[in-house]
Amino acid sequence: MTLHPSGGVVVSGRYWTHAGECRDLADAGDTFGMGEWADELGAWNRDGWSPLCTATHVGHDGTITYRLDLARAAELPEVL
């Protein structure tokens, strides 16, 4: 997922298996509601979601690309 300088987060649908293989979801915007939950993420609540992520790239334009640890995120209660 990418955090843009404007504060919004977008998801690409790219993920890595436990073995380290990179894969892409066919329709990242609607698969498993990814677009819906990504709208809930942003710079304003980064302290809540960033511990579940690893920053993988910081762009010259201020974008930051993260890898979300889905296994850890799945262990969270449905409502915090």
N, C-alpha and C. Protein backbone atom coordinates (compact mmCIF):
# COMPACT_ATOMS: atom_id res chain seq x y z
N MET A 1 0.84 -1.16 0.00
CA MET A 1 0.00 0.00 0.00
C MET A 1 0.89 1.22 0.00
N THR A 2 0.34 2.33 -0.49
CA THR A 2 1.14 3.55 -0.61
C THR A 2 0.47 4.70 0.12
N LEU A 3 1.23 5.36 0.96
CA LEU A 3 0.79 6.57 1.65
C LEU A 3 1.27 7.75 0.83
N HIS A 4 0.34 8.56 0.34
CA HIS A 4 0.68 9.72 -0.48
C HIS A 4 0.87 10.96 0.38
N PRO A 5 1.62 11.95 -0.11
CA PRO A 5 1.83 13.18 0.66
C PRO A 5 0.53 13.87 1.07
N SER A 6 -0.54 13.65 0.32
CA SER A 6 -1.83 14.24 0.66
C SER A 6 -2.43 13.60 1.91
N GLY A 7 -1.88 12.45 2.34
CA GLY A 7 -2.35 11.77 3.54
C GLY A 7 -3.18 10.54 3.26
N GLY A 8 -3.59 10.32 2.00
CA GLY A 8 -4.40 9.17 1.65
C GLY A 8 -3.58 7.93 1.36
N VAL A 9 -4.22 6.78 1.53
CA VAL A 9 -3.59 5.49 1.27
C VAL A 9 -4.31 4.81 0.11
N VAL A 10 -3.55 4.23 -0.80
CA VAL A 10 -4.11 3.41 -1.88
C VAL A 10 -3.43 2.04 -1.83
N VAL A 11 -4.17 1.04 -2.28
CA VAL A 11 -3.63 -0.32 -2.30
C VAL A 11 -3.47 -0.77 -3.74
N SER A 12 -2.45 -1.56 -3.98
CA SER A 12 -2.16 -2.02 -5.33
C SER A 12 -2.71 -3.41 -5.61
N GLY A 13 -2.96 -4.18 -4.56
CA GLY A 13 -3.37 -5.56 -4.75
C GLY A 13 -2.19 -6.52 -4.83
N ARG A 14 -1.00 -6.01 -4.68
CA ARG A 14 0.20 -6.85 -4.69
C ARG A 14 0.41 -7.40 -3.28
N TYR A 15 0.78 -8.67 -3.22
CA TYR A 15 1.07 -9.27 -1.93
C TYR A 15 2.18 -10.29 -2.09
N TRP A 16 2.76 -10.68 -0.96
CA TRP A 16 3.85 -11.66 -0.95
C TRP A 16 3.42 -12.84 -0.11
N THR A 17 3.70 -14.02 -0.61
CA THR A 17 3.40 -15.24 0.14
C THR A 17 4.42 -15.39 1.26
N HIS A 18 4.14 -16.33 2.16
CA HIS A 18 5.07 -16.60 3.25
C HIS A 18 6.44 -17.00 2.71
N ALA A 19 6.45 -17.64 1.54
CA ALA A 19 7.71 -18.07 0.92
C ALA A 19 8.43 -16.92 0.21
N GLY A 20 7.80 -15.72 0.17
CA GLY A 20 8.44 -14.57 -0.45
C GLY A 20 8.10 -14.34 -1.91
N GLU A 21 7.12 -15.11 -2.44
CA GLU A 21 6.73 -14.94 -3.84
C GLU A 21 5.78 -13.75 -3.96
N CYS A 22 6.05 -12.88 -4.93
CA CYS A 22 5.21 -11.71 -5.17
C CYS A 22 4.05 -12.11 -6.08
N ARG A 23 2.83 -11.71 -5.69
CA ARG A 23 1.64 -11.99 -6.49
C ARG A 23 0.76 -10.75 -6.54
N ASP A 24 -0.14 -10.72 -7.53
CA ASP A 24 -1.09 -9.61 -7.67
C ASP A 24 -2.50 -10.15 -7.67
N LEU A 25 -3.41 -9.44 -7.01
CA LEU A 25 -4.82 -9.78 -7.08
C LEU A 25 -5.37 -9.27 -8.40
N ALA A 26 -6.35 -9.94 -8.95
CA ALA A 26 -6.90 -9.56 -10.25
C ALA A 26 -7.54 -8.18 -10.24
N ASP A 27 -8.30 -7.84 -9.19
CA ASP A 27 -9.00 -6.57 -9.12
C ASP A 27 -8.79 -5.99 -7.72
N ALA A 28 -7.69 -5.32 -7.53
CA ALA A 28 -7.31 -4.86 -6.19
C ALA A 28 -8.33 -3.93 -5.57
N GLY A 29 -9.03 -3.14 -6.37
CA GLY A 29 -9.96 -2.17 -5.81
C GLY A 29 -11.15 -2.80 -5.12
N ASP A 30 -11.61 -3.95 -5.58
CA ASP A 30 -12.82 -4.54 -5.02
C ASP A 30 -12.59 -5.88 -4.34
N THR A 31 -11.46 -6.51 -4.54
CA THR A 31 -11.21 -7.82 -3.96
C THR A 31 -11.12 -7.73 -2.45
N PHE A 32 -11.95 -8.50 -1.79
CA PHE A 32 -11.98 -8.54 -0.32
C PHE A 32 -12.23 -7.17 0.30
N GLY A 33 -12.84 -6.26 -0.44
CA GLY A 33 -13.13 -4.93 0.10
C GLY A 33 -11.90 -4.08 0.34
N MET A 34 -10.80 -4.37 -0.36
CA MET A 34 -9.55 -3.65 -0.12
C MET A 34 -9.71 -2.14 -0.29
N GLY A 35 -10.41 -1.71 -1.33
CA GLY A 35 -10.59 -0.28 -1.55
C GLY A 35 -11.36 0.37 -0.42
N GLU A 36 -12.32 -0.39 0.13
CA GLU A 36 -13.14 0.12 1.21
C GLU A 36 -12.33 0.34 2.49
N TRP A 37 -11.55 -0.67 2.88
CA TRP A 37 -10.79 -0.50 4.12
C TRP A 37 -9.61 0.43 3.94
N ALA A 38 -9.07 0.53 2.73
CA ALA A 38 -7.96 1.45 2.51
C ALA A 38 -8.40 2.89 2.68
N ASP A 39 -9.67 3.17 2.40
CA ASP A 39 -10.20 4.52 2.60
C ASP A 39 -10.20 4.93 4.07
N GLU A 40 -10.13 3.95 4.96
CA GLU A 40 -10.11 4.21 6.40
C GLU A 40 -8.70 4.50 6.91
N LEU A 41 -7.70 4.29 6.06
CA LEU A 41 -6.31 4.48 6.47
C LEU A 41 -5.77 5.80 5.92
N GLY A 42 -4.85 6.39 6.64
CA GLY A 42 -4.23 7.61 6.16
C GLY A 42 -3.19 8.11 7.15
N ALA A 43 -2.64 9.26 6.84
CA ALA A 43 -1.62 9.85 7.71
C ALA A 43 -2.20 10.15 9.09
N TRP A 44 -3.49 10.46 9.17
CA TRP A 44 -4.14 10.82 10.42
C TRP A 44 -4.22 9.67 11.42
N ASN A 45 -4.13 8.42 10.96
CA ASN A 45 -4.17 7.29 11.88
C ASN A 45 -3.01 6.30 11.64
N ARG A 46 -1.95 6.82 11.07
CA ARG A 46 -0.78 5.98 10.76
C ARG A 46 -0.20 5.31 12.00
N ASP A 47 -0.30 5.95 13.16
CA ASP A 47 0.23 5.32 14.38
C ASP A 47 -0.48 4.02 14.70
N GLY A 48 -1.72 3.86 14.23
CA GLY A 48 -2.47 2.64 14.48
C GLY A 48 -2.13 1.51 13.53
N TRP A 49 -1.90 1.81 12.24
CA TRP A 49 -1.66 0.74 11.27
C TRP A 49 -0.19 0.51 10.95
N SER A 50 0.65 1.49 11.13
CA SER A 50 2.05 1.32 10.73
C SER A 50 2.81 0.25 11.51
N PRO A 51 2.45 -0.07 12.78
CA PRO A 51 3.16 -1.17 13.44
C PRO A 51 2.95 -2.52 12.76
N LEU A 52 1.92 -2.63 11.91
CA LEU A 52 1.65 -3.87 11.19
C LEU A 52 2.33 -3.88 9.83
N CYS A 53 3.14 -2.86 9.55
CA CYS A 53 3.72 -2.70 8.22
C CYS A 53 5.24 -2.57 8.28
N THR A 54 5.81 -2.76 7.09
CA THR A 54 7.23 -2.49 6.88
C THR A 54 7.32 -1.51 5.72
N ALA A 55 7.97 -0.38 5.93
CA ALA A 55 8.17 0.57 4.83
C ALA A 55 9.18 -0.03 3.87
N THR A 56 8.85 -0.03 2.58
CA THR A 56 9.74 -0.65 1.60
C THR A 56 10.34 0.34 0.62
N HIS A 57 9.75 1.53 0.52
CA HIS A 57 10.28 2.52 -0.42
C HIS A 57 9.76 3.91 -0.04
N VAL A 58 10.65 4.88 -0.07
CA VAL A 58 10.27 6.28 0.12
C VAL A 58 10.62 7.01 -1.16
N GLY A 59 9.59 7.57 -1.81
CA GLY A 59 9.80 8.24 -3.08
C GLY A 59 10.25 9.68 -2.91
N HIS A 60 10.83 10.25 -3.96
CA HIS A 60 11.27 11.65 -3.94
C HIS A 60 10.10 12.60 -3.75
N ASP A 61 8.92 12.15 -4.15
CA ASP A 61 7.73 12.99 -4.03
C ASP A 61 7.06 12.88 -2.67
N GLY A 62 7.64 12.10 -1.76
CA GLY A 62 7.09 11.96 -0.41
C GLY A 62 6.19 10.76 -0.21
N THR A 63 5.95 9.98 -1.26
CA THR A 63 5.15 8.77 -1.09
C THR A 63 5.96 7.72 -0.33
N ILE A 64 5.27 6.94 0.47
CA ILE A 64 5.91 5.85 1.20
C ILE A 64 5.14 4.58 0.88
N THR A 65 5.84 3.55 0.42
CA THR A 65 5.23 2.27 0.11
C THR A 65 5.47 1.33 1.28
N TYR A 66 4.40 0.65 1.68
CA TYR A 66 4.44 -0.25 2.82
C TYR A 66 4.01 -1.64 2.42
N ARG A 67 4.53 -2.62 3.15
CA ARG A 67 4.03 -3.99 3.10
C ARG A 67 3.27 -4.22 4.39
N LEU A 68 1.98 -4.52 4.26
CA LEU A 68 1.15 -4.83 5.41
C LEU A 68 1.28 -6.31 5.73
N ASP A 69 1.56 -6.65 6.97
CA ASP A 69 1.66 -8.04 7.41
C ASP A 69 0.24 -8.55 7.63
N LEU A 70 -0.31 -9.22 6.63
CA LEU A 70 -1.70 -9.67 6.68
C LEU A 70 -1.94 -10.69 7.79
N ALA A 71 -0.96 -11.52 8.08
CA ALA A 71 -1.13 -12.51 9.14
C ALA A 71 -1.30 -11.82 10.48
N ARG A 72 -0.52 -10.81 10.75
CA ARG A 72 -0.65 -10.06 12.01
C ARG A 72 -1.94 -9.27 12.03
N ALA A 73 -2.30 -8.66 10.90
CA ALA A 73 -3.53 -7.88 10.83
C ALA A 73 -4.76 -8.76 11.04
N ALA A 74 -4.71 -10.00 10.55
CA ALA A 74 -5.85 -10.92 10.70
C ALA A 74 -6.06 -11.32 12.16
N GLU A 75 -5.05 -11.19 12.97
CA GLU A 75 -5.17 -11.56 14.39
C GLU A 75 -5.85 -10.47 15.22
N LEU A 76 -6.01 -9.28 14.64
CA LEU A 76 -6.65 -8.19 15.37
C LEU A 76 -8.14 -8.46 15.55
N PRO A 77 -8.72 -7.95 16.64
CA PRO A 77 -10.17 -8.09 16.79
C PRO A 77 -10.87 -7.31 15.69
N GLU A 78 -12.10 -7.73 15.35
CA GLU A 78 -12.84 -7.08 14.25
C GLU A 78 -13.08 -5.61 14.54
N VAL A 79 -13.38 -5.27 15.77
CA VAL A 79 -13.61 -3.88 16.15
C VAL A 79 -12.63 -3.52 17.25
N LEU A 80 -11.88 -2.48 17.03
CA LEU A 80 -10.92 -2.06 18.06
C LEU A 80 -11.53 -0.98 18.92
